[in-house]
């Protein structure tokens, strides 16, 4: 049996010509802190960000269209996040109700599906 300890990082991809726009979105709209990326080990550009106790890695590749694949983040201010994203031009997609939590998904400006959720306390 694999004994999982925690999520270490999440990698999303954007088209090469959108890399700088992705950096701007994730620093300005999401408010993430950039962290050092060991660029010398990669043959393509990208960025790494600190996000709570994990990292978000952004790499480049050609997008493949809308997908069910996604990353889900638990947050503590879902209503604020919804309003903040909408104010920044992000379309919110409602998801089926799961007992004990509120949630929604959206596509970032680069086609990556993201879920934000808040558990009922």
C-alpha atoms as a PDB file:
ATOM      1  CA  UNK A   1       0.000   0.000   0.000  1.00  0.00           C
ATOM      2  CA  UNK A   2       1.226   3.501  -0.809  1.00  0.00           C
ATOM      3  CA  UNK A   3       1.237   5.789   2.214  1.00  0.00           C
ATOM      4  CA  UNK A   4       0.443   9.282   0.959  1.00  0.00           C
ATOM      5  CA  UNK A   5       1.739  12.127   3.103  1.00  0.00           C
ATOM      6  CA  UNK A   6       0.618  15.267   1.215  1.00  0.00           C
ATOM      7  CA  UNK A   7       0.322  16.847  -2.199  1.00  0.00           C
ATOM      8  CA  UNK A   8       3.728  18.268  -3.153  1.00  0.00           C
ATOM      9  CA  UNK A   9       2.936  20.126  -6.362  1.00  0.00           C
ATOM     10  CA  UNK A  10       0.498  20.458  -9.219  1.00  0.00           C
ATOM     11  CA  UNK A  11       1.627  20.994 -12.800  1.00  0.00           C
ATOM     12  CA  UNK A  12      -0.530  22.764 -15.334  1.00  0.00           C
ATOM     13  CA  UNK A  13       0.331  23.614 -18.922  1.00  0.00           C
ATOM     14  CA  UNK A  14      -0.248  26.595 -21.151  1.00  0.00           C
ATOM     15  CA  UNK A  15       0.519  27.276 -24.804  1.00  0.00           C
ATOM     16  CA  UNK A  16       4.056  28.672 -25.195  1.00  0.00           C
ATOM     17  CA  UNK A  17       2.805  32.086 -26.305  1.00  0.00           C
ATOM     18  CA  UNK A  18       0.667  32.343 -23.138  1.00  0.00           C
ATOM     19  CA  UNK A  19       3.378  31.659 -20.555  1.00  0.00           C
ATOM     20  CA  UNK A  20       3.871  35.284 -19.516  1.00  0.00           C
ATOM     21  CA  UNK A  21       0.119  35.861 -19.347  1.00  0.00           C
ATOM     22  CA  UNK A  22      -0.134  32.768 -17.116  1.00  0.00           C
ATOM     23  CA  UNK A  23       2.566  34.127 -14.820  1.00  0.00           C
ATOM     24  CA  UNK A  24       0.673  37.408 -14.603  1.00  0.00           C
ATOM     25  CA  UNK A  25      -2.695  35.694 -13.915  1.00  0.00           C
ATOM     26  CA  UNK A  26      -1.350  33.446 -11.176  1.00  0.00           C
ATOM     27  CA  UNK A  27       0.542  36.258  -9.442  1.00  0.00           C
ATOM     28  CA  UNK A  28      -1.989  39.081  -9.875  1.00  0.00           C
ATOM     29  CA  UNK A  29      -5.406  37.377  -9.815  1.00  0.00           C
ATOM     30  CA  UNK A  30      -4.581  34.294  -7.694  1.00  0.00           C
ATOM     31  CA  UNK A  31      -1.999  36.161  -5.620  1.00  0.00           C
ATOM     32  CA  UNK A  32       0.613  33.385  -5.649  1.00  0.00           C
ATOM     33  CA  UNK A  33       4.234  33.915  -4.654  1.00  0.00           C
ATOM     34  CA  UNK A  34       6.837  32.929  -7.264  1.00  0.00           C
ATOM     35  CA  UNK A  35       9.555  30.542  -6.083  1.00  0.00           C
ATOM     36  CA  UNK A  36      12.860  29.415  -7.551  1.00  0.00           C
ATOM     37  CA  UNK A  37      12.593  26.965 -10.471  1.00  0.00           C
ATOM     38  CA  UNK A  38      15.693  24.975 -11.430  1.00  0.00           C
ATOM     39  CA  UNK A  39      15.540  26.117 -15.058  1.00  0.00           C
ATOM     40  CA  UNK A  40      18.785  24.317 -15.936  1.00  0.00           C
ATOM     41  CA  UNK A  41      17.073  20.900 -15.726  1.00  0.00           C
ATOM     42  CA  UNK A  42      14.249  21.761 -18.150  1.00  0.00           C
ATOM     43  CA  UNK A  43      14.287  22.099 -21.914  1.00  0.00           C
ATOM     44  CA  UNK A  44      11.159  24.314 -21.873  1.00  0.00           C
ATOM     45  CA  UNK A  45      10.418  27.493 -19.907  1.00  0.00           C
ATOM     46  CA  UNK A  46       8.035  27.654 -16.980  1.00  0.00           C
ATOM     47  CA  UNK A  47       7.325  29.076 -13.553  1.00  0.00           C
ATOM     48  CA  UNK A  48       6.885  27.696 -10.042  1.00  0.00           C
ATOM     49  CA  UNK A  49       4.749  29.266  -7.307  1.00  0.00           C
ATOM     50  CA  UNK A  50       4.182  28.627  -3.610  1.00  0.00           C
ATOM     51  CA  UNK A  51       0.556  27.883  -2.743  1.00  0.00           C
ATOM     52  CA  UNK A  52      -0.094  27.152   0.947  1.00  0.00           C
ATOM     53  CA  UNK A  53       1.981  24.018   1.641  1.00  0.00           C
ATOM     54  CA  UNK A  54       2.275  22.899  -1.998  1.00  0.00           C
ATOM     55  CA  UNK A  55       3.611  24.349  -5.240  1.00  0.00           C
ATOM     56  CA  UNK A  56       1.939  25.132  -8.536  1.00  0.00           C
ATOM     57  CA  UNK A  57       4.171  24.492 -11.546  1.00  0.00           C
ATOM     58  CA  UNK A  58       3.363  26.009 -14.932  1.00  0.00           C
ATOM     59  CA  UNK A  59       4.919  24.465 -18.026  1.00  0.00           C
ATOM     60  CA  UNK A  60       4.327  24.854 -21.733  1.00  0.00           C
ATOM     61  CA  UNK A  61       2.654  22.556 -24.250  1.00  0.00           C
ATOM     62  CA  UNK A  62      -0.119  22.928 -26.780  1.00  0.00           C
ATOM     63  CA  UNK A  63      -3.579  22.803 -25.182  1.00  0.00           C
ATOM     64  CA  UNK A  64      -5.831  19.816 -25.883  1.00  0.00           C
ATOM     65  CA  UNK A  65      -9.284  21.332 -25.229  1.00  0.00           C
ATOM     66  CA  UNK A  66     -11.743  21.186 -22.352  1.00  0.00           C
ATOM     67  CA  UNK A  67     -11.251  18.239 -20.041  1.00  0.00           C
ATOM     68  CA  UNK A  68     -12.655  16.712 -16.883  1.00  0.00           C
ATOM     69  CA  UNK A  69      -9.115  16.581 -15.474  1.00  0.00           C
ATOM     70  CA  UNK A  70      -8.712  19.260 -12.864  1.00  0.00           C
ATOM     71  CA  UNK A  71      -7.013  20.408  -9.720  1.00  0.00           C
ATOM     72  CA  UNK A  72      -9.113  21.074  -6.624  1.00  0.00           C
ATOM     73  CA  UNK A  73      -8.130  23.527  -3.927  1.00  0.00           C
ATOM     74  CA  UNK A  74      -9.787  23.727  -0.522  1.00  0.00           C
ATOM     75  CA  UNK A  75     -10.187  27.368   0.479  1.00  0.00           C
ATOM     76  CA  UNK A  76     -11.857  29.222   3.352  1.00  0.00           C
ATOM     77  CA  UNK A  77     -13.552  32.084   1.476  1.00  0.00           C
ATOM     78  CA  UNK A  78     -15.448  30.586  -1.437  1.00  0.00           C
ATOM     79  CA  UNK A  79     -17.925  33.455  -1.826  1.00  0.00           C
ATOM     80  CA  UNK A  80     -15.124  36.010  -2.007  1.00  0.00           C
ATOM     81  CA  UNK A  81     -13.185  33.824  -4.477  1.00  0.00           C
ATOM     82  CA  UNK A  82     -16.227  33.568  -6.761  1.00  0.00           C
ATOM     83  CA  UNK A  83     -16.747  37.334  -6.806  1.00  0.00           C
ATOM     84  CA  UNK A  84     -13.023  38.009  -7.237  1.00  0.00           C
ATOM     85  CA  UNK A  85     -12.714  35.625 -10.195  1.00  0.00           C
ATOM     86  CA  UNK A  86     -15.861  36.950 -11.860  1.00  0.00           C
ATOM     87  CA  UNK A  87     -14.567  40.512 -11.415  1.00  0.00           C
ATOM     88  CA  UNK A  88     -11.467  39.396 -13.301  1.00  0.00           C
ATOM     89  CA  UNK A  89     -13.460  38.021 -16.231  1.00  0.00           C
ATOM     90  CA  UNK A  90     -13.477  34.354 -15.213  1.00  0.00           C
ATOM     91  CA  UNK A  91     -16.656  32.371 -15.961  1.00  0.00           C
ATOM     92  CA  UNK A  92     -17.785  30.201 -13.048  1.00  0.00           C
ATOM     93  CA  UNK A  93     -19.197  26.738 -13.769  1.00  0.00           C
ATOM     94  CA  UNK A  94     -21.598  25.300 -11.198  1.00  0.00           C
ATOM     95  CA  UNK A  95     -20.992  21.674 -10.264  1.00  0.00           C
ATOM     96  CA  UNK A  96     -23.318  18.996  -8.879  1.00  0.00           C
ATOM     97  CA  UNK A  97     -23.841  19.274  -5.131  1.00  0.00           C
ATOM     98  CA  UNK A  98     -21.687  17.095  -2.901  1.00  0.00           C
ATOM     99  CA  UNK A  99     -22.943  16.918   0.663  1.00  0.00           C
ATOM    100  CA  UNK A 100     -20.781  18.762   3.161  1.00  0.00           C
ATOM    101  CA  UNK A 101     -19.116  21.197   0.784  1.00  0.00           C
ATOM    102  CA  UNK A 102     -19.744  24.064  -1.579  1.00  0.00           C
ATOM    103  CA  UNK A 103     -17.743  24.225  -4.785  1.00  0.00           C
ATOM    104  CA  UNK A 104     -17.428  25.503  -8.315  1.00  0.00           C
ATOM    105  CA  UNK A 105     -15.068  25.073 -11.220  1.00  0.00           C
ATOM    106  CA  UNK A 106     -13.670  27.375 -13.859  1.00  0.00           C
ATOM    107  CA  UNK A 107     -11.201  27.348 -16.687  1.00  0.00           C
ATOM    108  CA  UNK A 108      -8.197  29.541 -16.160  1.00  0.00           C
ATOM    109  CA  UNK A 109      -7.426  31.759 -19.168  1.00  0.00           C
ATOM    110  CA  UNK A 110      -5.232  28.959 -20.555  1.00  0.00           C
ATOM    111  CA  UNK A 111      -7.759  26.090 -20.551  1.00  0.00           C
ATOM    112  CA  UNK A 112      -6.805  24.430 -17.243  1.00  0.00           C
ATOM    113  CA  UNK A 113      -9.869  23.337 -15.267  1.00  0.00           C
ATOM    114  CA  UNK A 114      -9.726  24.328 -11.601  1.00  0.00           C
ATOM    115  CA  UNK A 115     -12.063  23.550  -8.703  1.00  0.00           C
ATOM    116  CA  UNK A 116     -12.367  25.638  -5.562  1.00  0.00           C
ATOM    117  CA  UNK A 117     -14.210  24.144  -2.616  1.00  0.00           C
ATOM    118  CA  UNK A 118     -15.080  24.979   0.963  1.00  0.00           C
ATOM    119  CA  UNK A 119     -16.166  22.364   3.481  1.00  0.00           C
ATOM    120  CA  UNK A 120     -19.091  23.104   5.790  1.00  0.00           C
ATOM    121  CA  UNK A 121     -17.889  23.364   9.375  1.00  0.00           C
END
